[in-house]
Amino acid sequence: MKKKIQADFIFFVIVVLLFSTLFVTGCLQLDEEKIKRQPTYELTKQDVLFKDSWTSEDISVFSIGLGDSITEVIEKFGLPDLRTDYPGGSTNFEYRDSLMVNNTALLIHFDNETVTRMTMRPSFNRFLQGNTKIGHSKKALFQHFGNPDQTQLLSYFTVYKYDDIGLEFHIRGQKQIGMSFYPPIPDTE
């Protein structure tokens, strides 16, 4: 009887060690996946907009990327000039003075304290490179990106969305006045 209890105990210890090893290995793999998903292109250092084969998940702005936490943004970029909290766990950070510009240049949107959208306005051009700068004609954008997946008419401008890469352009008249990066939405067709 004593040998049976010892054998059962040894079996239990082996099973616990096996599951613990699998759990730790799984956690390490999740960390590796997060590392692999780090943005490839830094918009303040690279001209990316008209390159092929990128999505918003490949983009960072001052080392901030989609999926970063609100804490990471504050650690990397500092406190915002304006913080607006909305019901349901959404927050906007607006950066202006810290970028030494007169108008809001960068707007970072959070859902449940996670970056889900980064919006740049014309005053952010001083940090953007080459063709990534804001100010293209609607025609030039449509020639490169094709027809948008969605169009949204707002009071002061129209939003053209390219869901497959997670990019939207803000157009007033025939000129780009801003752009946003958001998580890509796969084509369901």
Protein backbone atom coordinates (compact mmCIF):
# COMPACT_ATOMS: atom_id res chain seq x y z
CA MET A 1 0.00 0.00 0.00
CA LYS A 2 2.83 2.36 0.90
CA LYS A 3 4.52 1.67 -2.48
CA LYS A 4 1.25 2.47 -4.27
CA ILE A 5 1.01 5.83 -2.48
CA GLN A 6 4.67 6.60 -3.29
CA ALA A 7 4.13 5.68 -6.96
CA ASP A 8 1.01 7.84 -7.12
CA PHE A 9 2.87 10.72 -5.48
CA ILE A 10 5.80 10.42 -7.93
CA PHE A 11 3.35 10.28 -10.86
CA PHE A 12 1.59 13.41 -9.52
CA VAL A 13 4.92 15.29 -9.17
CA ILE A 14 5.93 14.33 -12.74
CA VAL A 15 2.57 15.51 -14.15
CA VAL A 16 2.83 18.84 -12.27
CA LEU A 17 6.40 19.36 -13.51
CA LEU A 18 5.36 18.50 -17.07
CA PHE A 19 2.44 20.97 -17.04
CA SER A 20 4.61 23.64 -15.42
CA THR A 21 7.22 23.21 -18.14
CA LEU A 22 4.59 23.42 -20.87
CA PHE A 23 3.07 26.53 -19.29
CA VAL A 24 6.42 28.33 -19.01
CA THR A 25 7.34 27.34 -22.58
CA GLY A 26 3.98 28.67 -23.82
CA CYS A 27 4.51 31.99 -22.02
CA LEU A 28 7.98 32.32 -23.54
CA GLN A 29 6.55 31.71 -27.00
CA LEU A 30 3.93 34.44 -26.45
CA ASP A 31 6.72 36.87 -25.49
CA GLU A 32 8.65 35.89 -28.63
CA GLU A 33 5.54 36.53 -30.76
CA LYS A 34 5.18 39.98 -29.22
CA ILE A 35 8.82 40.72 -29.98
CA LYS A 36 8.37 39.54 -33.58
CA ARG A 37 5.42 41.93 -34.06
CA GLN A 38 7.46 45.04 -33.26
CA PRO A 39 7.08 47.75 -35.90
CA THR A 40 9.49 47.65 -38.84
CA TYR A 41 9.27 51.28 -39.94
CA GLU A 42 9.74 54.41 -37.83
CA LEU A 43 7.81 57.18 -39.61
CA THR A 44 10.02 59.89 -38.15
CA LYS A 45 13.08 58.27 -39.73
CA GLN A 46 11.85 56.47 -42.85
CA ASP A 47 9.85 57.40 -45.95
CA VAL A 48 7.28 54.59 -45.92
CA LEU A 49 3.92 55.72 -47.30
CA PHE A 50 4.46 54.85 -50.97
CA LYS A 51 6.44 51.64 -50.36
CA ASP A 52 4.74 48.35 -51.13
CA SER A 53 3.88 45.56 -48.72
CA TRP A 54 3.39 47.20 -45.34
CA THR A 55 0.50 47.54 -42.91
CA SER A 56 -0.15 49.80 -39.94
CA GLU A 57 1.22 47.05 -37.68
CA ASP A 58 4.64 47.71 -39.27
CA ILE A 59 4.56 51.42 -38.35
CA SER A 60 5.80 53.28 -35.29
CA VAL A 61 5.87 56.99 -34.45
CA PHE A 62 8.58 58.01 -31.98
CA SER A 63 8.77 54.28 -31.09
CA ILE A 64 5.02 54.10 -30.39
CA GLY A 65 3.09 51.42 -32.24
CA LEU A 66 -0.39 49.97 -32.35
CA GLY A 67 -0.94 47.67 -29.39
CA ASP A 68 1.35 49.61 -27.02
CA SER A 69 -0.11 50.35 -23.60
CA ILE A 70 -0.92 53.78 -22.27
CA THR A 71 1.93 53.33 -19.77
CA GLU A 72 4.40 52.51 -22.56
CA VAL A 73 3.33 55.62 -24.47
CA ILE A 74 3.85 57.85 -21.44
CA GLU A 75 7.23 56.20 -20.74
CA LYS A 76 8.37 56.58 -24.36
CA PHE A 77 6.79 59.92 -25.26
CA GLY A 78 5.84 61.73 -22.07
CA LEU A 79 2.56 63.12 -20.81
CA PRO A 80 0.20 64.52 -23.46
CA ASP A 81 -0.64 68.18 -23.82
CA LEU A 82 -4.30 67.22 -23.68
CA ARG A 83 -5.93 64.04 -22.42
CA THR A 84 -9.60 63.34 -23.14
CA ASP A 85 -11.33 60.35 -21.53
CA TYR A 86 -14.55 59.00 -23.03
CA PRO A 87 -17.15 56.60 -21.63
CA GLY A 88 -16.45 52.96 -22.40
CA GLY A 89 -12.69 53.05 -21.82
CA SER A 90 -11.53 55.22 -24.75
CA THR A 91 -8.91 57.93 -24.30
CA ASN A 92 -7.21 60.42 -26.63
CA PHE A 93 -3.75 61.88 -26.06
CA GLU A 94 -2.98 65.03 -28.05
CA TYR A 95 0.59 66.22 -28.51
CA ARG A 96 1.34 69.82 -29.50
CA ASP A 97 3.56 71.84 -27.12
CA SER A 98 5.86 68.91 -26.41
CA LEU A 99 6.46 68.75 -30.19
CA MET A 100 7.06 72.52 -30.28
CA VAL A 101 4.21 73.23 -32.72
CA ASN A 102 1.17 75.51 -32.41
CA ASN A 103 -1.55 72.99 -33.29
CA THR A 104 -2.19 69.40 -32.33
CA ALA A 105 0.23 67.42 -34.49
CA LEU A 106 -0.21 63.89 -33.15
CA LEU A 107 -3.28 62.27 -31.66
CA ILE A 108 -3.03 58.82 -30.08
CA HIS A 109 -6.27 56.95 -29.40
CA PHE A 110 -6.55 54.20 -26.80
CA ASP A 111 -9.25 51.61 -26.25
CA ASN A 112 -8.93 50.02 -22.80
CA GLU A 113 -5.49 51.64 -22.41
CA THR A 114 -4.12 50.10 -25.64
CA VAL A 115 -3.11 52.15 -28.70
CA THR A 116 -5.67 51.53 -31.46
CA ARG A 117 -5.14 54.59 -33.66
CA MET A 118 -2.42 57.14 -34.36
CA THR A 119 -3.40 60.30 -36.25
CA MET A 120 -1.00 62.81 -37.75
CA ARG A 121 -1.92 66.32 -38.86
CA PRO A 122 -0.01 68.78 -41.10
CA SER A 123 1.98 70.29 -38.23
CA PHE A 124 3.54 66.83 -37.76
CA ASN A 125 5.21 67.14 -41.19
CA ARG A 126 8.39 68.47 -39.60
CA PHE A 127 8.97 64.93 -38.27
CA LEU A 128 7.86 62.92 -41.32
CA GLN A 129 10.16 61.87 -44.14
CA GLY A 130 9.80 62.34 -47.92
CA ASN A 131 6.51 61.17 -49.44
CA THR A 132 5.16 60.22 -46.02
CA LYS A 133 4.55 63.93 -45.34
CA ILE A 134 0.95 65.13 -45.28
CA GLY A 135 -0.28 67.28 -48.18
CA HIS A 136 -0.69 64.97 -51.17
CA SER A 137 -3.47 65.50 -53.66
CA LYS A 138 -6.45 63.17 -53.50
CA LYS A 139 -5.64 62.12 -57.07
CA ALA A 140 -2.06 61.09 -56.18
CA LEU A 141 -3.25 59.06 -53.19
CA PHE A 142 -5.95 57.31 -55.23
CA GLN A 143 -3.46 56.57 -58.01
CA HIS A 144 -1.16 54.79 -55.58
CA PHE A 145 -3.61 53.18 -53.15
CA GLY A 146 -6.61 52.69 -55.46
CA ASN A 147 -10.20 53.21 -54.44
CA PRO A 148 -10.78 53.18 -50.68
CA ASP A 149 -12.65 50.43 -48.86
CA GLN A 150 -14.79 53.01 -47.05
CA THR A 151 -15.60 56.70 -47.37
CA GLN A 152 -16.93 58.79 -44.51
CA LEU A 153 -18.10 62.36 -45.08
CA LEU A 154 -17.54 64.52 -41.99
CA SER A 155 -18.29 68.21 -41.39
CA TYR A 156 -14.90 69.60 -42.42
CA PHE A 157 -13.26 66.80 -44.38
CA THR A 158 -13.77 63.35 -45.90
CA VAL A 159 -12.13 60.19 -44.56
CA TYR A 160 -10.95 57.56 -47.05
CA LYS A 161 -10.17 54.21 -45.41
CA TYR A 162 -7.94 51.40 -46.65
CA ASP A 163 -8.87 48.67 -44.18
CA ASP A 164 -6.54 45.98 -45.52
CA ILE A 165 -3.47 48.02 -44.49
CA GLY A 166 -5.07 50.02 -41.64
CA LEU A 167 -4.65 53.48 -43.18
CA GLU A 168 -7.00 56.38 -43.63
CA PHE A 169 -6.53 59.74 -45.32
CA HIS A 170 -8.30 62.92 -44.28
CA ILE A 171 -9.06 65.01 -47.37
CA ARG A 172 -10.47 68.55 -47.54
CA GLY A 173 -11.38 69.53 -51.07
CA GLN A 174 -8.73 67.77 -53.13
CA LYS A 175 -5.86 67.94 -50.58
CA GLN A 176 -4.75 65.61 -47.78
CA ILE A 177 -4.89 67.26 -44.34
CA GLY A 178 -4.13 64.24 -42.17
CA MET A 179 -3.77 60.48 -41.90
CA SER A 180 -4.41 57.79 -39.33
CA PHE A 181 -3.08 54.30 -38.76
CA TYR A 182 -5.37 51.70 -37.16
CA PRO A 183 -5.31 47.88 -36.96
CA PRO A 184 -5.82 46.33 -40.42
CA ILE A 185 -9.18 44.72 -41.09
CA PRO A 186 -8.81 41.61 -43.25
CA ASP A 187 -10.84 41.40 -46.43
CA THR A 188 -13.75 39.02 -45.80
CA GLU A 189 -14.61 38.40 -49.43
